[in-house]
Protein backbone atom coordinates (compact mmCIF):
# COMPACT_ATOMS: atom_id res chain seq x y z
CA MET A 1 0.00 0.00 0.00
CA GLN A 2 1.16 3.52 -0.72
CA PRO A 3 1.33 6.00 2.19
CA GLN A 4 -1.48 8.55 2.15
CA THR A 5 -2.03 11.92 3.75
CA ALA A 6 -2.98 11.47 7.41
CA ILE A 7 -6.73 11.32 7.97
CA ALA A 8 -8.30 12.52 11.18
CA ALA A 9 -9.28 9.61 13.39
CA ARG A 10 -12.99 9.09 14.02
CA PRO A 11 -14.18 9.25 17.64
CA VAL A 12 -14.06 5.79 19.20
CA THR A 13 -14.06 6.53 22.93
CA PRO A 14 -17.04 7.51 25.11
CA LEU A 15 -15.59 10.99 25.54
CA GLY A 16 -14.84 11.43 21.85
CA ILE A 17 -18.34 10.34 20.90
CA LEU A 18 -19.79 12.68 23.55
CA VAL A 19 -17.84 15.62 22.10
CA GLN A 20 -19.05 14.82 18.57
CA GLN A 21 -22.67 14.58 19.72
CA LEU A 22 -22.42 17.87 21.61
CA GLU A 23 -21.04 19.56 18.49
CA GLU A 24 -23.97 18.23 16.47
CA ALA A 25 -26.44 19.27 19.18
CA ILE A 26 -25.08 22.82 19.19
CA GLN A 27 -25.44 23.11 15.42
CA THR A 28 -29.04 21.89 15.67
CA ALA A 29 -29.70 24.27 18.56
CA LYS A 30 -28.42 27.25 16.58
CA GLN A 31 -30.74 26.42 13.70
CA ALA A 32 -33.67 25.94 16.09
CA ASN A 33 -33.14 29.39 17.59
CA ILE A 34 -33.22 28.11 21.18
CA PRO A 35 -32.80 30.48 24.17
CA GLU A 36 -29.30 31.93 24.42
CA SER A 37 -28.89 30.65 28.00
CA LEU A 38 -29.43 27.06 26.87
CA LEU A 39 -27.04 27.49 23.93
CA ASN A 40 -24.38 28.93 26.27
CA SER A 41 -24.84 25.95 28.59
CA LEU A 42 -24.31 23.53 25.71
CA GLN A 43 -21.22 25.42 24.54
CA ASN A 44 -19.75 25.43 28.05
CA THR A 45 -20.40 21.69 28.31
CA LEU A 46 -18.67 21.13 24.98
CA ALA A 47 -15.64 23.17 26.07
CA LEU A 48 -15.40 21.13 29.28
CA ALA A 49 -15.57 17.79 27.45
CA ALA A 50 -13.44 18.73 24.42
CA GLY A 51 -10.62 20.10 26.51
CA ILE A 52 -9.86 16.97 28.52
CA ASP A 53 -7.86 14.92 26.01
CA PRO A 54 -5.69 17.80 24.73
CA TYR A 55 -4.94 18.80 28.33
CA LEU A 56 -3.95 15.22 29.21
CA GLU A 57 -1.58 15.23 26.23
CA ASP A 58 0.01 18.49 27.39
CA CYS A 59 0.50 17.21 30.95
CA ALA A 60 1.93 13.79 30.09
CA THR A 61 5.61 13.07 29.50
CA PRO A 62 6.23 13.52 25.75
CA GLU A 63 6.49 10.35 23.69
CA SER A 64 9.90 9.32 22.38
CA PRO A 65 10.89 10.23 18.81
CA ALA A 66 10.51 6.55 17.82
CA LEU A 67 6.96 6.42 19.19
CA ALA A 68 6.04 9.72 17.56
CA GLU A 69 7.30 8.46 14.21
CA LEU A 70 5.41 5.17 14.61
CA ALA A 71 2.19 7.09 15.31
CA ARG A 72 2.82 9.37 12.31
CA LYS A 73 3.39 6.41 9.98
CA THR A 74 0.27 4.66 11.25
CA ALA A 75 -1.86 7.78 10.68
CA ALA A 76 -0.43 8.25 7.18
CA GLU A 77 -0.96 4.64 6.09
CA ASP A 78 -3.90 3.68 3.87
CA TRP A 79 -5.89 1.19 5.91
CA SER A 80 -8.87 1.25 3.54
CA GLN A 81 -8.32 -2.24 2.14
CA GLN A 82 -9.05 -5.38 4.13
CA PHE A 83 -6.55 -7.93 5.31
CA SER A 84 -7.14 -11.61 5.99
CA ASP A 85 -5.79 -13.43 9.02
CA GLY A 86 -6.26 -16.72 7.23
CA ALA A 87 -9.66 -17.55 8.66
CA THR A 88 -11.61 -14.31 8.61
CA VAL A 89 -11.34 -10.92 6.97
CA ARG A 90 -11.05 -7.89 9.19
CA GLN A 91 -10.76 -4.18 8.55
CA LEU A 92 -7.71 -2.45 9.97
CA GLU A 93 -7.92 1.22 10.94
CA GLN A 94 -5.68 3.81 12.53
CA GLU A 95 -7.99 4.05 15.56
CA MET A 96 -6.54 0.70 16.71
CA LEU A 97 -3.39 2.56 17.79
CA SER A 98 -3.07 2.85 21.59
CA GLY A 99 -1.64 6.37 21.41
CA HIS A 100 0.38 8.67 23.64
CA ILE A 101 -1.63 8.70 26.88
CA GLU A 102 -2.28 4.98 27.04
CA GLY A 103 1.26 4.23 25.90
CA GLN A 104 2.68 6.41 28.67
CA THR A 105 0.37 4.73 31.20
CA LEU A 106 1.55 1.26 30.18
CA LYS A 107 5.15 2.41 30.20
CA LEU A 108 4.81 3.69 33.77
CA LEU A 109 3.12 0.44 34.83
CA VAL A 110 6.09 -1.54 33.53
CA TYR A 111 8.41 0.73 35.52
CA LEU A 112 6.28 0.55 38.68
CA THR A 113 5.89 -3.25 38.63
CA LYS A 114 9.57 -3.73 37.73
CA ALA A 115 8.40 -6.17 35.07
CA LYS A 116 11.06 -8.01 33.08
CA ARG A 117 8.79 -10.25 30.99
CA VAL A 118 5.77 -8.73 29.21
CA LEU A 119 3.16 -10.39 27.02
CA GLU A 120 1.02 -8.34 24.64
CA ILE A 121 -2.07 -9.94 23.11
CA GLY A 122 -2.91 -7.86 20.01
CA MET A 123 -0.15 -5.57 18.75
CA PHE A 124 -1.41 -3.72 15.64
CA THR A 125 1.43 -1.40 14.49
CA GLY A 126 3.35 -1.73 17.74
CA TYR A 127 2.85 1.54 19.63
CA SER A 128 2.00 -0.03 22.99
CA ALA A 129 4.63 -2.74 22.55
CA LEU A 130 7.38 -0.20 21.93
CA ALA A 131 6.17 2.05 24.76
CA MET A 132 6.41 -0.85 27.22
CA ALA A 133 9.74 -2.01 25.79
CA GLU A 134 11.18 1.44 26.51
CA ALA A 135 10.54 0.80 30.22
CA LEU A 136 11.98 -2.71 30.28
CA PRO A 137 15.53 -3.27 31.55
CA GLU A 138 18.21 -4.10 29.01
CA ASP A 139 17.65 -7.81 29.57
CA GLY A 140 13.86 -7.44 29.47
CA TYR A 141 11.67 -9.31 27.01
CA LEU A 142 8.33 -8.53 25.38
CA LEU A 143 6.40 -11.06 23.30
CA ALA A 144 3.74 -9.47 21.09
CA CYS A 145 0.97 -11.62 19.61
CA GLU A 146 -0.37 -10.38 16.28
CA VAL A 147 -2.54 -12.32 13.85
CA ASP A 148 -1.94 -10.10 10.81
CA SER A 149 1.40 -10.47 9.02
CA TYR A 150 1.14 -7.08 7.29
CA VAL A 151 0.94 -5.08 10.49
CA ALA A 152 3.54 -7.35 12.11
CA ASP A 153 6.02 -6.39 9.37
CA PHE A 154 4.95 -2.74 9.66
CA ALA A 155 5.67 -2.83 13.40
CA ARG A 156 9.01 -4.59 13.00
CA SER A 157 10.17 -1.89 10.58
CA CYS A 158 9.35 0.72 13.22
CA PHE A 159 11.05 -1.25 16.01
CA ASN A 160 14.24 -1.30 13.95
CA HIS A 161 14.51 2.48 14.41
CA SER A 162 14.40 2.30 18.21
CA PRO A 163 17.21 1.28 20.56
CA HIS A 164 14.58 -0.72 22.48
CA GLY A 165 13.19 -2.62 19.49
CA GLY A 166 15.49 -5.57 20.10
CA LYS A 167 13.60 -6.43 23.29
CA ILE A 168 10.46 -7.23 21.27
CA GLN A 169 9.64 -10.53 19.60
CA VAL A 170 6.51 -10.85 17.44
CA ALA A 171 4.51 -14.07 17.22
CA VAL A 172 2.34 -14.04 14.07
CA ALA A 173 -0.54 -16.42 14.73
CA PRO A 174 -3.99 -16.44 16.31
CA ALA A 175 -3.43 -15.31 19.90
CA LEU A 176 -5.19 -18.32 21.44
CA ASP A 177 -2.81 -20.64 19.60
CA THR A 178 0.19 -18.70 20.89
CA LEU A 179 -1.17 -18.69 24.45
CA ARG A 180 -1.72 -22.45 24.39
CA ALA A 181 1.85 -22.99 23.17
CA LEU A 182 3.18 -20.71 25.91
CA ALA A 183 1.13 -22.60 28.49
CA ALA A 184 2.49 -25.93 27.24
CA ALA A 185 6.02 -24.53 27.62
CA GLN A 186 5.16 -23.38 31.19
CA GLU A 187 6.02 -19.75 30.42
CA SER A 188 4.97 -16.90 32.70
CA PHE A 189 4.92 -13.10 32.47
CA ASP A 190 5.05 -10.27 34.99
CA LEU A 191 2.68 -8.05 33.02
CA VAL A 192 0.17 -8.84 30.28
CA PHE A 193 -1.65 -6.35 28.05
CA ILE A 194 -4.76 -7.44 26.13
CA ASP A 195 -5.98 -5.44 23.13
CA ALA A 196 -7.21 -7.98 20.60
CA ASP A 197 -10.41 -9.77 19.53
CA LYS A 198 -13.02 -8.55 22.03
CA GLN A 199 -15.08 -11.72 21.73
CA GLU A 200 -12.07 -13.78 22.85
CA TYR A 201 -11.28 -11.70 25.96
CA ILE A 202 -12.81 -14.28 28.32
CA ASP A 203 -10.79 -17.06 26.68
CA TYR A 204 -7.57 -15.03 27.01
CA PHE A 205 -8.30 -14.34 30.66
CA GLN A 206 -9.03 -17.95 31.53
CA LEU A 207 -5.97 -19.26 29.71
CA LEU A 208 -3.73 -16.74 31.44
CA LEU A 209 -4.94 -17.61 34.94
CA ASP A 210 -5.67 -21.32 34.57
CA ASN A 211 -2.17 -21.98 33.18
CA ASN A 212 -0.24 -19.51 35.37
CA LEU A 213 0.86 -17.49 32.36
CA LEU A 214 0.01 -14.66 34.76
CA PRO A 215 1.35 -15.78 38.16
CA PRO A 216 0.15 -14.53 41.56
CA GLY A 217 1.08 -10.86 41.92
CA GLY A 218 1.14 -10.37 38.15
CA LEU A 219 -0.60 -7.41 36.51
CA LEU A 220 -3.06 -7.76 33.64
CA CYS A 221 -4.05 -4.63 31.68
CA VAL A 222 -7.09 -4.90 29.41
CA ASP A 223 -7.97 -2.30 26.77
CA ASN A 224 -11.37 -1.18 25.40
CA THR A 225 -13.31 -2.23 28.51
CA LEU A 226 -15.65 0.76 28.07
CA LEU A 227 -15.98 0.15 24.29
CA GLN A 228 -17.63 3.41 23.24
CA GLY A 229 -19.88 3.26 26.31
CA GLN A 230 -21.71 0.15 25.10
CA PRO A 231 -21.20 -2.02 28.23
CA TYR A 232 -23.17 0.42 30.40
CA LEU A 233 -25.73 1.50 27.80
CA PRO A 234 -28.99 -0.49 27.30
CA PRO A 235 -28.31 -3.99 25.88
CA GLU A 236 -30.19 -3.21 22.66
CA GLN A 237 -27.56 -0.55 21.88
CA ARG A 238 -24.67 -3.03 22.11
CA SER A 239 -22.83 -4.53 19.16
CA PRO A 240 -21.56 -8.13 19.47
CA ASN A 241 -18.24 -6.70 20.69
CA GLY A 242 -20.02 -4.45 23.18
CA ALA A 243 -21.97 -7.42 24.55
CA ALA A 244 -18.74 -9.44 24.79
CA ILE A 245 -17.02 -6.69 26.76
CA ALA A 246 -19.98 -6.32 29.12
CA LYS A 247 -19.85 -10.08 29.78
CA PHE A 248 -16.06 -9.95 30.27
CA ASN A 249 -16.27 -7.06 32.73
CA GLN A 250 -18.86 -8.88 34.82
CA MET A 251 -16.84 -12.10 34.77
CA VAL A 252 -13.75 -10.28 36.05
CA ALA A 253 -15.77 -8.56 38.77
CA ASP A 254 -17.08 -11.96 39.91
CA ASP A 255 -13.73 -13.81 39.85
CA PRO A 256 -12.32 -14.25 43.38
CA ARG A 257 -8.79 -14.82 42.04
CA VAL A 258 -8.32 -11.18 41.12
CA GLU A 259 -8.84 -7.59 42.20
CA GLN A 260 -9.36 -4.88 39.61
CA VAL A 261 -10.24 -1.31 38.74
CA LEU A 262 -11.67 -0.01 35.46
CA LEU A 263 -10.12 3.34 34.55
CA PRO A 264 -11.96 5.76 32.20
CA LEU A 265 -8.79 6.14 30.13
CA ARG A 266 -9.57 6.54 26.42
CA ASP A 267 -11.87 3.58 25.63
CA GLY A 268 -11.47 2.04 29.08
CA LEU A 269 -8.42 0.36 30.63
CA THR A 270 -8.93 -2.28 33.32
CA LEU A 271 -6.04 -3.05 35.68
CA ILE A 272 -6.26 -6.54 37.15
CA ARG A 273 -3.97 -7.91 39.84
CA ARG A 274 -3.87 -11.64 40.39
CA LYS A 275 -4.07 -12.32 44.11
């Protein structure tokens, strides 16, 4: 594929969708000639909501040059065509990128847990993998599971431009297959990050805990656990992925082996500690 001019990402988080809907509501309100006090209230609400993400960006530690370049290349790539993982066809899109704030959060979690072995389930173009690798010690190791060979090669090319890229190994295969092989080899990891097929989240979780891929005291980070607000909206407003995430969140909350907190970071990030 030939690189294209970067296209603005569509809103995919509860906050981003809220901002878009407020903008549309204000345009409708202006055309309806509503009272000025109500219009001012809507505009103040929009300013409050729209300002959060840019302010978080300004207050976070800047991303490394390698991460910034990876994000730029991902935004400039033409993801309009579909790619096959061998069994199904899925659409790739730049919104799959974890991004600066989540990347910095994961990086700090690696530092804080003093993790040396990290497992990532679902890599896309490698932003989160590289962010976590930057926090690993020189002898640290990160295994990234990615089903799509195109994005795996894309990520590897970006890793080659970072002094931390050598800490990352990419396993190109369905994640469940990779997890079963790791379990058979009795591997374990200090920190695991899940950002893959939403309808397989429960299977990932059970494999990780049942086979001690995540040992006691290990940290599991799970992305998209708010999924555009669908898990807490009425069930009829949920997509299959939204229903799967709602089921996953409830399962985690009911599992006595873990303790957890769901953070309203981007599209939801759940931190799970195995007791």
